Amino acid sequence: MSNVKAAKDYKDRLFRMIFNDKEKLLELYNAMNGSDYKDASELQVVTLENAIYLSMKNDVAYVLHDELFLFEQQSTKNANMPLRCLFYASDTYSVLVKDKNLYGTKMLPLPSPTFVVFYNGKQKMDEEGELRLSDAFVKKQEVPNLEVIVKVKNINMGNSRELFEKCRPMRDYMIFVDKVRRYSQEQPLEDAVERTIRECMEEDVMADFLKRNRAEVVKMCLYEYDEERQREFDREEGREEGREEGRVQGREEGKFEEGREEGRDAERIAVARRMLKSHKLSYVEVAEFVGLTVEEVKALDTDEAVIEIKGF
């Protein structure tokens, strides 16, 4: 079987491609809000192409009738979505008021925010849930001075049936994702993607979209190497490098326990450096994985660190 796997973010990109169409986005809005708006031109798309914080992008953002909606597709559980949505909203509001007098006496009107994560990963999750920014606060407050609430909807097949009935683009999107997921378990991914596209076109599932974007959809579903295998290789190589550094430090200082602890630190640093070099991960993601602080990870992401890794 081929070791080519689906690109980690292909579902994100496919989601954006589908719902950056205003007509489909309005259909999703109506399905989520029980409304029946017809004029898609009323939608103001404000999707951030590159947010300031952590080089993050949001999937779909738009303003309609004094409301700001931020929609994210996620295939992994992420407890930090409220914090990410706070960053997104801050950047979006900055854009919306950039030509206004922020320091004037008159209050600037802002669209009310709604944050929704559409989850389609493999881990089990309730059909609906929510995440709160205040859950991350170390010191709890009876009434938080700052709060962000993110609605989470499980859109895997068998869930969100009412949404699928009201919003065909969302239903079709998940039929496509589900077919690729199932077929790739029994045949090479290239064949699974081609089979999925052929069946979807025959079954009138995203048929027009796939006719126009077939080559791009195939390309975004594939890439040239096994990311998970490469990532695990980098991790293990970093661990071994760290263990060896720790053993050397322990022997030189004659302090076994101290050397063992330093070895663990060296291991974390080695893994963090390799992750920064090899993968497009944020400082927060790397810090959470290796057990360092964000500031410590940032300090590793320097020219000297890169040169050392490359062995120059």
C-alpha atoms as a PDB file:
ATOM      1  CA  MET A   1       0.000   0.000   0.000  1.00  0.00           C
ATOM      2  CA  SER A   2       1.237   3.483  -0.814  1.00  0.00           C
ATOM      3  CA  ASN A   3       2.661   5.501   2.066  1.00  0.00           C
ATOM      4  CA  VAL A   4       1.160   8.686   0.687  1.00  0.00           C
ATOM      5  CA  LYS A   5      -1.422  10.008   3.124  1.00  0.00           C
ATOM      6  CA  ALA A   6      -4.006  12.737   3.081  1.00  0.00           C
ATOM      7  CA  ALA A   7      -2.543  16.166   3.730  1.00  0.00           C
ATOM      8  CA  LYS A   8      -3.221  17.042   7.341  1.00  0.00           C
ATOM      9  CA  ASP A   9      -5.130  20.209   6.474  1.00  0.00           C
ATOM     10  CA  TYR A  10      -6.891  19.112   3.279  1.00  0.00           C
ATOM     11  CA  LYS A  11     -10.271  19.143   5.043  1.00  0.00           C
ATOM     12  CA  ASP A  12      -9.613  22.722   6.179  1.00  0.00           C
ATOM     13  CA  ARG A  13      -8.779  23.868   2.671  1.00  0.00           C
ATOM     14  CA  LEU A  14     -11.712  22.010   1.132  1.00  0.00           C
ATOM     15  CA  PHE A  15     -14.029  23.547   3.735  1.00  0.00           C
ATOM     16  CA  ARG A  16     -12.740  27.037   2.871  1.00  0.00           C
ATOM     17  CA  MET A  17     -13.074  26.425  -0.862  1.00  0.00           C
ATOM     18  CA  ILE A  18     -16.712  25.385  -0.496  1.00  0.00           C
ATOM     19  CA  PHE A  19     -17.887  27.999   1.977  1.00  0.00           C
ATOM     20  CA  ASN A  20     -16.038  30.982   0.579  1.00  0.00           C
ATOM     21  CA  ASP A  21     -18.864  30.876  -1.978  1.00  0.00           C
ATOM     22  CA  LYS A  22     -21.370  33.428  -0.607  1.00  0.00           C
ATOM     23  CA  GLU A  23     -24.427  31.461  -1.737  1.00  0.00           C
ATOM     24  CA  LYS A  24     -23.285  28.343   0.113  1.00  0.00           C
ATOM     25  CA  LEU A  25     -22.213  30.403   3.112  1.00  0.00           C
ATOM     26  CA  LEU A  26     -25.665  32.009   3.297  1.00  0.00           C
ATOM     27  CA  GLU A  27     -27.223  28.549   3.128  1.00  0.00           C
ATOM     28  CA  LEU A  28     -25.072  27.500   6.091  1.00  0.00           C
ATOM     29  CA  TYR A  29     -26.005  30.672   7.969  1.00  0.00           C
ATOM     30  CA  ASN A  30     -29.724  30.012   7.447  1.00  0.00           C
ATOM     31  CA  ALA A  31     -29.321  26.401   8.573  1.00  0.00           C
ATOM     32  CA  MET A  32     -27.491  27.433  11.734  1.00  0.00           C
ATOM     33  CA  ASN A  33     -29.864  30.284  12.636  1.00  0.00           C
ATOM     34  CA  GLY A  34     -33.277  29.101  11.460  1.00  0.00           C
ATOM     35  CA  SER A  35     -33.517  32.026   9.044  1.00  0.00           C
ATOM     36  CA  ASP A  36     -34.425  32.287   5.373  1.00  0.00           C
ATOM     37  CA  TYR A  37     -32.338  35.118   3.940  1.00  0.00           C
ATOM     38  CA  LYS A  38     -32.065  35.159   0.143  1.00  0.00           C
ATOM     39  CA  ASP A  39     -29.642  37.954  -0.741  1.00  0.00           C
ATOM     40  CA  ALA A  40     -26.076  36.647  -0.471  1.00  0.00           C
ATOM     41  CA  SER A  41     -24.696  40.069  -1.385  1.00  0.00           C
ATOM     42  CA  GLU A  42     -25.560  41.195   2.152  1.00  0.00           C
ATOM     43  CA  LEU A  43     -22.777  38.970   3.451  1.00  0.00           C
ATOM     44  CA  GLN A  44     -19.490  40.741   4.106  1.00  0.00           C
ATOM     45  CA  VAL A  45     -16.718  38.129   4.085  1.00  0.00           C
ATOM     46  CA  VAL A  46     -13.959  39.073   6.542  1.00  0.00           C
ATOM     47  CA  THR A  47     -11.936  35.845   6.578  1.00  0.00           C
ATOM     48  CA  LEU A  48      -8.402  36.511   7.802  1.00  0.00           C
ATOM     49  CA  GLU A  49      -5.791  35.325   5.348  1.00  0.00           C
ATOM     50  CA  ASN A  50      -3.016  35.613   7.898  1.00  0.00           C
ATOM     51  CA  ALA A  51      -3.692  36.580  11.488  1.00  0.00           C
ATOM     52  CA  ILE A  52      -1.029  38.483  13.418  1.00  0.00           C
ATOM     53  CA  TYR A  53      -0.820  35.977  16.247  1.00  0.00           C
ATOM     54  CA  LEU A  54       0.982  32.667  15.679  1.00  0.00           C
ATOM     55  CA  SER A  55       0.617  32.950  11.877  1.00  0.00           C
ATOM     56  CA  MET A  56      -2.873  31.438  12.175  1.00  0.00           C
ATOM     57  CA  LYS A  57      -5.631  31.546   9.621  1.00  0.00           C
ATOM     58  CA  ASN A  58      -9.322  31.208  10.242  1.00  0.00           C
ATOM     59  CA  ASP A  59     -11.465  29.127   7.901  1.00  0.00           C
ATOM     60  CA  VAL A  60     -14.502  31.346   7.252  1.00  0.00           C
ATOM     61  CA  ALA A  61     -15.508  34.677   8.802  1.00  0.00           C
ATOM     62  CA  TYR A  62     -18.305  37.003   7.749  1.00  0.00           C
ATOM     63  CA  VAL A  63     -20.561  39.807   8.936  1.00  0.00           C
ATOM     64  CA  LEU A  64     -24.317  39.727   8.358  1.00  0.00           C
ATOM     65  CA  HIS A  65     -26.962  41.940   9.969  1.00  0.00           C
ATOM     66  CA  ASP A  66     -24.689  43.262  12.721  1.00  0.00           C
ATOM     67  CA  GLU A  67     -23.355  39.821  13.633  1.00  0.00           C
ATOM     68  CA  LEU A  68     -19.804  38.511  13.206  1.00  0.00           C
ATOM     69  CA  PHE A  69     -19.510  34.776  12.572  1.00  0.00           C
ATOM     70  CA  LEU A  70     -16.264  32.833  12.789  1.00  0.00           C
ATOM     71  CA  PHE A  71     -16.507  29.252  11.513  1.00  0.00           C
ATOM     72  CA  GLU A  72     -13.688  26.732  11.956  1.00  0.00           C
ATOM     73  CA  GLN A  73     -13.404  23.170  10.698  1.00  0.00           C
ATOM     74  CA  GLN A  74     -11.332  20.962  13.017  1.00  0.00           C
ATOM     75  CA  SER A  75     -10.293  17.315  12.675  1.00  0.00           C
ATOM     76  CA  THR A  76      -8.562  17.234  16.077  1.00  0.00           C
ATOM     77  CA  LYS A  77      -9.797  18.277  19.492  1.00  0.00           C
ATOM     78  CA  ASN A  78      -8.358  21.638  20.521  1.00  0.00           C
ATOM     79  CA  ALA A  79      -9.104  23.064  23.945  1.00  0.00           C
ATOM     80  CA  ASN A  80      -7.415  26.325  22.916  1.00  0.00           C
ATOM     81  CA  MET A  81     -10.056  27.281  20.354  1.00  0.00           C
ATOM     82  CA  PRO A  82     -11.549  30.014  22.617  1.00  0.00           C
ATOM     83  CA  LEU A  83      -8.121  31.660  22.832  1.00  0.00           C
ATOM     84  CA  ARG A  84      -7.621  31.333  19.073  1.00  0.00           C
ATOM     85  CA  CYS A  85     -11.079  32.795  18.445  1.00  0.00           C
ATOM     86  CA  LEU A  86     -10.201  35.693  20.746  1.00  0.00           C
ATOM     87  CA  PHE A  87      -7.167  36.398  18.555  1.00  0.00           C
ATOM     88  CA  TYR A  88      -9.238  36.081  15.384  1.00  0.00           C
ATOM     89  CA  ALA A  89     -11.939  38.401  16.698  1.00  0.00           C
ATOM     90  CA  SER A  90      -9.389  40.964  17.854  1.00  0.00           C
ATOM     91  CA  ASP A  91      -7.744  41.032  14.439  1.00  0.00           C
ATOM     92  CA  THR A  92     -11.105  41.151  12.651  1.00  0.00           C
ATOM     93  CA  TYR A  93     -12.382  44.031  14.779  1.00  0.00           C
ATOM     94  CA  SER A  94      -9.099  45.868  14.161  1.00  0.00           C
ATOM     95  CA  VAL A  95      -9.737  45.614  10.423  1.00  0.00           C
ATOM     96  CA  LEU A  96     -13.374  46.675  10.731  1.00  0.00           C
ATOM     97  CA  VAL A  97     -12.546  49.875  12.699  1.00  0.00           C
ATOM     98  CA  LYS A  98      -9.197  50.762  11.116  1.00  0.00           C
ATOM     99  CA  ASP A  99     -10.624  53.916   9.505  1.00  0.00           C
ATOM    100  CA  LYS A 100     -12.631  54.949  12.571  1.00  0.00           C
ATOM    101  CA  ASN A 101     -11.668  57.237  15.462  1.00  0.00           C
ATOM    102  CA  LEU A 102     -10.854  54.699  18.162  1.00  0.00           C
ATOM    103  CA  TYR A 103      -9.892  57.464  20.604  1.00  0.00           C
ATOM    104  CA  GLY A 104     -12.993  59.599  20.134  1.00  0.00           C
ATOM    105  CA  THR A 105     -15.774  60.012  22.663  1.00  0.00           C
ATOM    106  CA  LYS A 106     -18.357  58.220  20.538  1.00  0.00           C
ATOM    107  CA  MET A 107     -18.664  54.463  21.026  1.00  0.00           C
ATOM    108  CA  LEU A 108     -17.889  52.495  17.870  1.00  0.00           C
ATOM    109  CA  PRO A 109     -20.599  49.950  16.999  1.00  0.00           C
ATOM    110  CA  LEU A 110     -19.335  46.373  16.652  1.00  0.00           C
ATOM    111  CA  PRO A 111     -21.022  43.270  15.231  1.00  0.00           C
ATOM    112  CA  SER A 112     -21.863  40.683  17.902  1.00  0.00           C
ATOM    113  CA  PRO A 113     -19.591  37.620  17.621  1.00  0.00           C
ATOM    114  CA  THR A 114     -20.549  33.971  17.273  1.00  0.00           C
ATOM    115  CA  PHE A 115     -17.856  31.275  17.207  1.00  0.00           C
ATOM    116  CA  VAL A 116     -18.529  27.786  15.856  1.00  0.00           C
ATOM    117  CA  VAL A 117     -16.201  24.808  15.423  1.00  0.00           C
ATOM    118  CA  PHE A 118     -17.342  22.047  13.065  1.00  0.00           C
ATOM    119  CA  TYR A 119     -15.585  18.885  14.245  1.00  0.00           C
ATOM    120  CA  ASN A 120     -15.053  15.893  11.937  1.00  0.00           C
ATOM    121  CA  GLY A 121     -12.137  14.051  13.537  1.00  0.00           C
ATOM    122  CA  LYS A 122     -11.900  10.384  14.491  1.00  0.00           C
ATOM    123  CA  GLN A 123     -12.017  10.876  18.268  1.00  0.00           C
ATOM    124  CA  LYS A 124     -15.394  10.428  19.932  1.00  0.00           C
ATOM    125  CA  MET A 125     -17.227  13.636  20.730  1.00  0.00           C
ATOM    126  CA  ASP A 126     -20.759  14.623  21.686  1.00  0.00           C
ATOM    127  CA  GLU A 127     -22.960  15.948  18.916  1.00  0.00           C
ATOM    128  CA  GLU A 128     -22.890  19.410  20.480  1.00  0.00           C
ATOM    129  CA  GLY A 129     -20.771  21.082  23.119  1.00  0.00           C
ATOM    130  CA  GLU A 130     -19.005  24.285  24.001  1.00  0.00           C
ATOM    131  CA  LEU A 131     -15.596  25.542  25.046  1.00  0.00           C
ATOM    132  CA  ARG A 132     -15.037  28.549  27.314  1.00  0.00           C
ATOM    133  CA  LEU A 133     -11.998  30.780  27.575  1.00  0.00           C
ATOM    134  CA  SER A 134     -12.530  31.134  31.329  1.00  0.00           C
ATOM    135  CA  ASP A 135     -11.822  27.412  31.793  1.00  0.00           C
ATOM    136  CA  ALA A 136      -8.184  28.200  31.019  1.00  0.00           C
ATOM    137  CA  PHE A 137      -7.850  30.911  33.674  1.00  0.00           C
ATOM    138  CA  VAL A 138      -5.561  29.799  36.497  1.00  0.00           C
ATOM    139  CA  LYS A 139      -7.378  31.969  39.021  1.00  0.00           C
ATOM    140  CA  LYS A 140     -11.123  31.457  38.717  1.00  0.00           C
ATOM    141  CA  GLN A 141     -13.539  34.368  38.921  1.00  0.00           C
ATOM    142  CA  GLU A 142     -17.205  34.081  39.821  1.00  0.00           C
ATOM    143  CA  VAL A 143     -18.016  36.298  36.856  1.00  0.00           C
ATOM    144  CA  PRO A 144     -15.072  36.295  34.407  1.00  0.00           C
ATOM    145  CA  ASN A 145     -13.984  39.744  33.252  1.00  0.00           C
ATOM    146  CA  LEU A 146     -13.273  38.239  29.841  1.00  0.00           C
ATOM    147  CA  GLU A 147     -15.131  35.362  28.233  1.00  0.00           C
ATOM    148  CA  VAL A 148     -15.263  33.678  24.838  1.00  0.00           C
ATOM    149  CA  ILE A 149     -17.730  30.863  24.212  1.00  0.00           C
ATOM    150  CA  VAL A 150     -17.184  28.552  21.259  1.00  0.00           C
ATOM    151  CA  LYS A 151     -19.954  26.245  20.080  1.00  0.00           C
ATOM    152  CA  VAL A 152     -18.737  22.817  18.914  1.00  0.00           C
ATOM    153  CA  LYS A 153     -20.783  20.728  16.466  1.00  0.00           C
ATOM    154  CA  ASN A 154     -19.824  17.174  15.568  1.00  0.00           C
ATOM    155  CA  ILE A 155     -20.465  16.860  11.830  1.00  0.00           C
ATOM    156  CA  ASN A 156     -19.294  13.276  11.368  1.00  0.00           C
ATOM    157  CA  MET A 157     -21.831  11.111   9.578  1.00  0.00           C
ATOM    158  CA  GLY A 158     -24.603  10.107  11.978  1.00  0.00           C
ATOM    159  CA  ASN A 159     -24.495  13.494  13.726  1.00  0.00           C
ATOM    160  CA  SER A 160     -25.998  16.911  12.963  1.00  0.00           C
ATOM    161  CA  ARG A 161     -28.733  15.445  10.762  1.00  0.00           C
ATOM    162  CA  GLU A 162     -30.887  18.556  11.043  1.00  0.00           C
ATOM    163  CA  LEU A 163     -27.970  20.682   9.826  1.00  0.00           C
ATOM    164  CA  PHE A 164     -27.394  18.334   6.875  1.00  0.00           C
ATOM    165  CA  GLU A 165     -31.087  18.485   5.955  1.00  0.00           C
ATOM    166  CA  LYS A 166     -31.019  22.289   5.901  1.00  0.00           C
ATOM    167  CA  CYS A 167     -27.567  22.769   4.381  1.00  0.00           C
ATOM    168  CA  ARG A 168     -26.722  20.507   1.464  1.00  0.00           C
ATOM    169  CA  PRO A 169     -23.173  21.894   0.955  1.00  0.00           C
ATOM    170  CA  MET A 170     -22.274  20.811   4.495  1.00  0.00           C
ATOM    171  CA  ARG A 171     -23.833  17.382   3.951  1.00  0.00           C
ATOM    172  CA  ASP A 172     -22.000  16.928   0.650  1.00  0.00           C
ATOM    173  CA  TYR A 173     -18.721  18.056   2.204  1.00  0.00           C
ATOM    174  CA  MET A 174     -18.986  15.380   4.900  1.00  0.00           C
ATOM    175  CA  ILE A 175     -20.042  12.680   2.424  1.00  0.00           C
ATOM    176  CA  PHE A 176     -16.838  13.421   0.503  1.00  0.00           C
ATOM    177  CA  VAL A 177     -14.658  13.410   3.640  1.00  0.00           C
ATOM    178  CA  ASP A 178     -16.282  10.197   4.917  1.00  0.00           C
ATOM    179  CA  LYS A 179     -15.767   8.381   1.616  1.00  0.00           C
ATOM    180  CA  VAL A 180     -12.076   9.332   1.444  1.00  0.00           C
ATOM    181  CA  ARG A 181     -11.615   8.223   5.058  1.00  0.00           C
ATOM    182  CA  ARG A 182     -13.295   4.836   4.541  1.00  0.00           C
ATOM    183  CA  TYR A 183     -11.828   3.978   1.140  1.00  0.00           C
ATOM    184  CA  SER A 184      -8.277   4.911   2.145  1.00  0.00           C
ATOM    185  CA  GLN A 185      -8.398   2.155   4.783  1.00  0.00           C
ATOM    186  CA  GLU A 186      -8.613  -0.511   2.096  1.00  0.00           C
ATOM    187  CA  GLN A 187      -6.739   0.889  -0.908  1.00  0.00           C
ATOM    188  CA  PRO A 188      -3.990   3.390  -1.794  1.00  0.00           C
ATOM    189  CA  LEU A 189      -5.037   6.963  -1.127  1.00  0.00           C
ATOM    190  CA  GLU A 190      -4.673   8.014  -4.752  1.00  0.00           C
ATOM    191  CA  ASP A 191      -7.216   5.359  -5.722  1.00  0.00           C
ATOM    192  CA  ALA A 192      -9.448   6.239  -2.762  1.00  0.00           C
ATOM    193  CA  VAL A 193      -9.582   9.916  -3.765  1.00  0.00           C
ATOM    194  CA  GLU A 194     -10.285   9.112  -7.423  1.00  0.00           C
ATOM    195  CA  ARG A 195     -12.981   6.643  -6.407  1.00  0.00           C
ATOM    196  CA  THR A 196     -14.549   9.216  -4.089  1.00  0.00           C
ATOM    197  CA  ILE A 197     -14.592  11.910  -6.769  1.00  0.00           C
ATOM    198  CA  ARG A 198     -16.057   9.526  -9.352  1.00  0.00           C
ATOM    199  CA  GLU A 199     -18.808   8.326  -6.996  1.00  0.00           C
ATOM    200  CA  CYS A 200     -19.633  11.843  -5.780  1.00  0.00           C
ATOM    201  CA  MET A 201     -20.045  13.085  -9.339  1.00  0.00           C
ATOM    202  CA  GLU A 202     -22.240  10.091 -10.182  1.00  0.00           C
ATOM    203  CA  GLU A 203     -24.344  10.677  -7.041  1.00  0.00           C
ATOM    204  CA  ASP A 204     -24.593  14.450  -7.583  1.00  0.00           C
ATOM    205  CA  VAL A 205     -22.580  15.184  -4.441  1.00  0.00           C
ATOM    206  CA  MET A 206     -20.623  18.417  -5.036  1.00  0.00           C
ATOM    207  CA  ALA A 207     -20.772  17.456  -8.714  1.00  0.00           C
ATOM    208  CA  ASP A 208     -20.448  20.972 -10.177  1.00  0.00           C
ATOM    209  CA  PHE A 209     -17.780  21.916  -7.641  1.00  0.00           C
ATOM    210  CA  LEU A 210     -15.719  18.808  -8.444  1.00  0.00           C
ATOM    211  CA  LYS A 211     -16.031  19.363 -12.190  1.00  0.00           C
ATOM    212  CA  ARG A 212     -14.578  22.858 -11.795  1.00  0.00           C
ATOM    213  CA  ASN A 213     -11.968  22.012  -9.170  1.00  0.00           C
ATOM    214  CA  ARG A 214     -11.137  18.330  -9.646  1.00  0.00           C
ATOM    215  CA  ALA A 215      -7.374  18.763 -10.120  1.00  0.00           C
ATOM    216  CA  GLU A 216      -7.069  21.090  -7.132  1.00  0.00           C
ATOM    217  CA  VAL A 217      -9.117  18.790  -4.899  1.00  0.00           C
ATOM    218  CA  VAL A 218      -6.928  15.801  -5.801  1.00  0.00           C
ATOM    219  CA  LYS A 219      -3.794  17.848  -5.176  1.00  0.00           C
ATOM    220  CA  MET A 220      -4.908  19.077  -1.764  1.00  0.00           C
ATOM    221  CA  CYS A 221      -5.812  15.540  -0.678  1.00  0.00           C
ATOM    222  CA  LEU A 222      -2.338  14.184  -1.371  1.00  0.00           C
ATOM    223  CA  TYR A 223       1.236  14.976  -0.580  1.00  0.00           C
ATOM    224  CA  GLU A 224       4.549  13.239  -1.101  1.00  0.00           C
ATOM    225  CA  TYR A 225       5.525  11.819   2.262  1.00  0.00           C
ATOM    226  CA  ASP A 226       4.095  10.162   5.332  1.00  0.00           C
ATOM    227  CA  GLU A 227       3.901  13.106   7.730  1.00  0.00           C
ATOM    228  CA  GLU A 228       3.136  11.114  10.856  1.00  0.00           C
ATOM    229  CA  ARG A 229       5.981   8.671  10.256  1.00  0.00           C
ATOM    230  CA  GLN A 230       8.428  11.508   9.610  1.00  0.00           C
ATOM    231  CA  ARG A 231       7.234  13.358  12.707  1.00  0.00           C
ATOM    232  CA  GLU A 232       7.684  10.290  14.908  1.00  0.00           C
ATOM    233  CA  PHE A 233      11.156   9.758  13.427  1.00  0.00           C
ATOM    234  CA  ASP A 234      12.104  13.327  14.305  1.00  0.00           C
ATOM    235  CA  ARG A 235      10.733  12.911  17.824  1.00  0.00           C
ATOM    236  CA  GLU A 236      12.628   9.670  18.481  1.00  0.00           C
ATOM    237  CA  GLU A 237      15.839  11.060  17.017  1.00  0.00           C
ATOM    238  CA  GLY A 238      15.482  14.109  19.247  1.00  0.00           C
ATOM    239  CA  ARG A 239      14.804  11.941  22.295  1.00  0.00           C
ATOM    240  CA  GLU A 240      17.924   9.867  21.687  1.00  0.00           C
ATOM    241  CA  GLU A 241      19.994  12.992  21.171  1.00  0.00           C
ATOM    242  CA  GLY A 242      18.670  14.399  24.433  1.00  0.00           C
ATOM    243  CA  ARG A 243      19.308  11.161  26.330  1.00  0.00           C
ATOM    244  CA  GLU A 244      22.900  11.082  25.133  1.00  0.00           C
ATOM    245  CA  GLU A 245      23.462  14.721  26.101  1.00  0.00           C
ATOM    246  CA  GLY A 246      22.043  13.959  29.540  1.00  0.00           C
ATOM    247  CA  ARG A 247      24.282  10.931  30.003  1.00  0.00           C
ATOM    248  CA  VAL A 248      27.370  12.954  29.057  1.00  0.00           C
ATOM    249  CA  GLN A 249      26.408  15.791  31.396  1.00  0.00           C
ATOM    250  CA  GLY A 250      25.763  13.364  34.238  1.00  0.00           C
ATOM    251  CA  ARG A 251      29.102  11.607  33.825  1.00  0.00           C
ATOM    252  CA  GLU A 252      31.083  14.825  33.565  1.00  0.00           C
ATOM    253  CA  GLU A 253      29.557  16.334  36.686  1.00  0.00           C
ATOM    254  CA  GLY A 254      29.404  13.110  38.670  1.00  0.00           C
ATOM    255  CA  LYS A 255      25.838  13.952  39.621  1.00  0.00           C
ATOM    256  CA  PHE A 256      23.540  11.272  38.277  1.00  0.00           C
ATOM    257  CA  GLU A 257      20.209  12.747  39.349  1.00  0.00           C
ATOM    258  CA  GLU A 258      21.101  16.224  38.150  1.00  0.00           C
ATOM    259  CA  GLY A 259      22.417  14.827  34.897  1.00  0.00           C
ATOM    260  CA  ARG A 260      19.237  12.827  34.400  1.00  0.00           C
ATOM    261  CA  GLU A 261      17.088  15.924  34.889  1.00  0.00           C
ATOM    262  CA  GLU A 262      19.288  17.945  32.552  1.00  0.00           C
ATOM    263  CA  GLY A 263      19.041  15.082  30.097  1.00  0.00           C
ATOM    264  CA  ARG A 264      15.280  15.382  30.131  1.00  0.00           C
ATOM    265  CA  ASP A 265      15.622  19.123  29.509  1.00  0.00           C
ATOM    266  CA  ALA A 266      18.077  18.500  26.682  1.00  0.00           C
ATOM    267  CA  GLU A 267      15.683  15.951  25.196  1.00  0.00           C
ATOM    268  CA  ARG A 268      12.800  18.407  25.227  1.00  0.00           C
ATOM    269  CA  ILE A 269      14.976  21.100  23.656  1.00  0.00           C
ATOM    270  CA  ALA A 270      16.211  18.746  20.928  1.00  0.00           C
ATOM    271  CA  VAL A 271      12.680  17.641  20.060  1.00  0.00           C
ATOM    272  CA  ALA A 272      11.419  21.239  20.068  1.00  0.00           C
ATOM    273  CA  ARG A 273      14.197  22.335  17.716  1.00  0.00           C
ATOM    274  CA  ARG A 274      13.465  19.543  15.287  1.00  0.00           C
ATOM    275  CA  MET A 275       9.723  20.285  15.352  1.00  0.00           C
ATOM    276  CA  LEU A 276      10.375  23.978  14.662  1.00  0.00           C
ATOM    277  CA  LYS A 277      12.667  23.060  11.773  1.00  0.00           C
ATOM    278  CA  SER A 278      10.625  20.293  10.185  1.00  0.00           C
ATOM    279  CA  HIS A 279       6.982  21.274  10.744  1.00  0.00           C
ATOM    280  CA  LYS A 280       4.806  24.353  10.417  1.00  0.00           C
ATOM    281  CA  LEU A 281       3.703  24.332  14.027  1.00  0.00           C
ATOM    282  CA  SER A 282       3.026  27.283  16.280  1.00  0.00           C
ATOM    283  CA  TYR A 283       5.117  28.038  19.343  1.00  0.00           C
ATOM    284  CA  VAL A 284       2.115  27.111  21.508  1.00  0.00           C
ATOM    285  CA  GLU A 285       1.718  23.684  19.864  1.00  0.00           C
ATOM    286  CA  VAL A 286       5.424  22.872  20.205  1.00  0.00           C
ATOM    287  CA  ALA A 287       5.494  24.073  23.825  1.00  0.00           C
ATOM    288  CA  GLU A 288       2.492  21.924  24.739  1.00  0.00           C
ATOM    289  CA  PHE A 289       4.024  18.828  23.144  1.00  0.00           C
ATOM    290  CA  VAL A 290       7.518  19.016  24.664  1.00  0.00           C
ATOM    291  CA  GLY A 291       6.625  20.568  28.023  1.00  0.00           C
ATOM    292  CA  LEU A 292       8.474  23.857  27.671  1.00  0.00           C
ATOM    293  CA  THR A 293       7.091  27.360  28.040  1.00  0.00           C
ATOM    294  CA  VAL A 294       6.175  29.363  24.941  1.00  0.00           C
ATOM    295  CA  GLU A 295       8.979  31.820  25.781  1.00  0.00           C
ATOM    296  CA  GLU A 296      11.525  28.984  25.917  1.00  0.00           C
ATOM    297  CA  VAL A 297      10.369  27.658  22.541  1.00  0.00           C
ATOM    298  CA  LYS A 298      10.551  31.127  20.996  1.00  0.00           C
ATOM    299  CA  ALA A 299      14.131  31.454  22.276  1.00  0.00           C
ATOM    300  CA  LEU A 300      15.035  28.243  20.423  1.00  0.00           C
ATOM    301  CA  ASP A 301      13.661  29.545  17.122  1.00  0.00           C
ATOM    302  CA  THR A 302      16.741  31.611  16.256  1.00  0.00           C
ATOM    303  CA  ASP A 303      19.267  31.610  13.463  1.00  0.00           C
ATOM    304  CA  GLU A 304      21.773  29.972  15.806  1.00  0.00           C
ATOM    305  CA  ALA A 305      19.347  27.160  16.598  1.00  0.00           C
ATOM    306  CA  VAL A 306      18.721  26.470  12.900  1.00  0.00           C
ATOM    307  CA  ILE A 307      22.441  26.511  12.106  1.00  0.00           C
ATOM    308  CA  GLU A 308      23.138  24.091  14.941  1.00  0.00           C
ATOM    309  CA  ILE A 309      20.452  21.693  13.741  1.00  0.00           C
ATOM    310  CA  LYS A 310      21.769  21.700  10.196  1.00  0.00           C
ATOM    311  CA  GLY A 311      25.258  20.979  11.502  1.00  0.00           C
ATOM    312  CA  PHE A 312      26.927  24.005   9.923  1.00  0.00           C
END
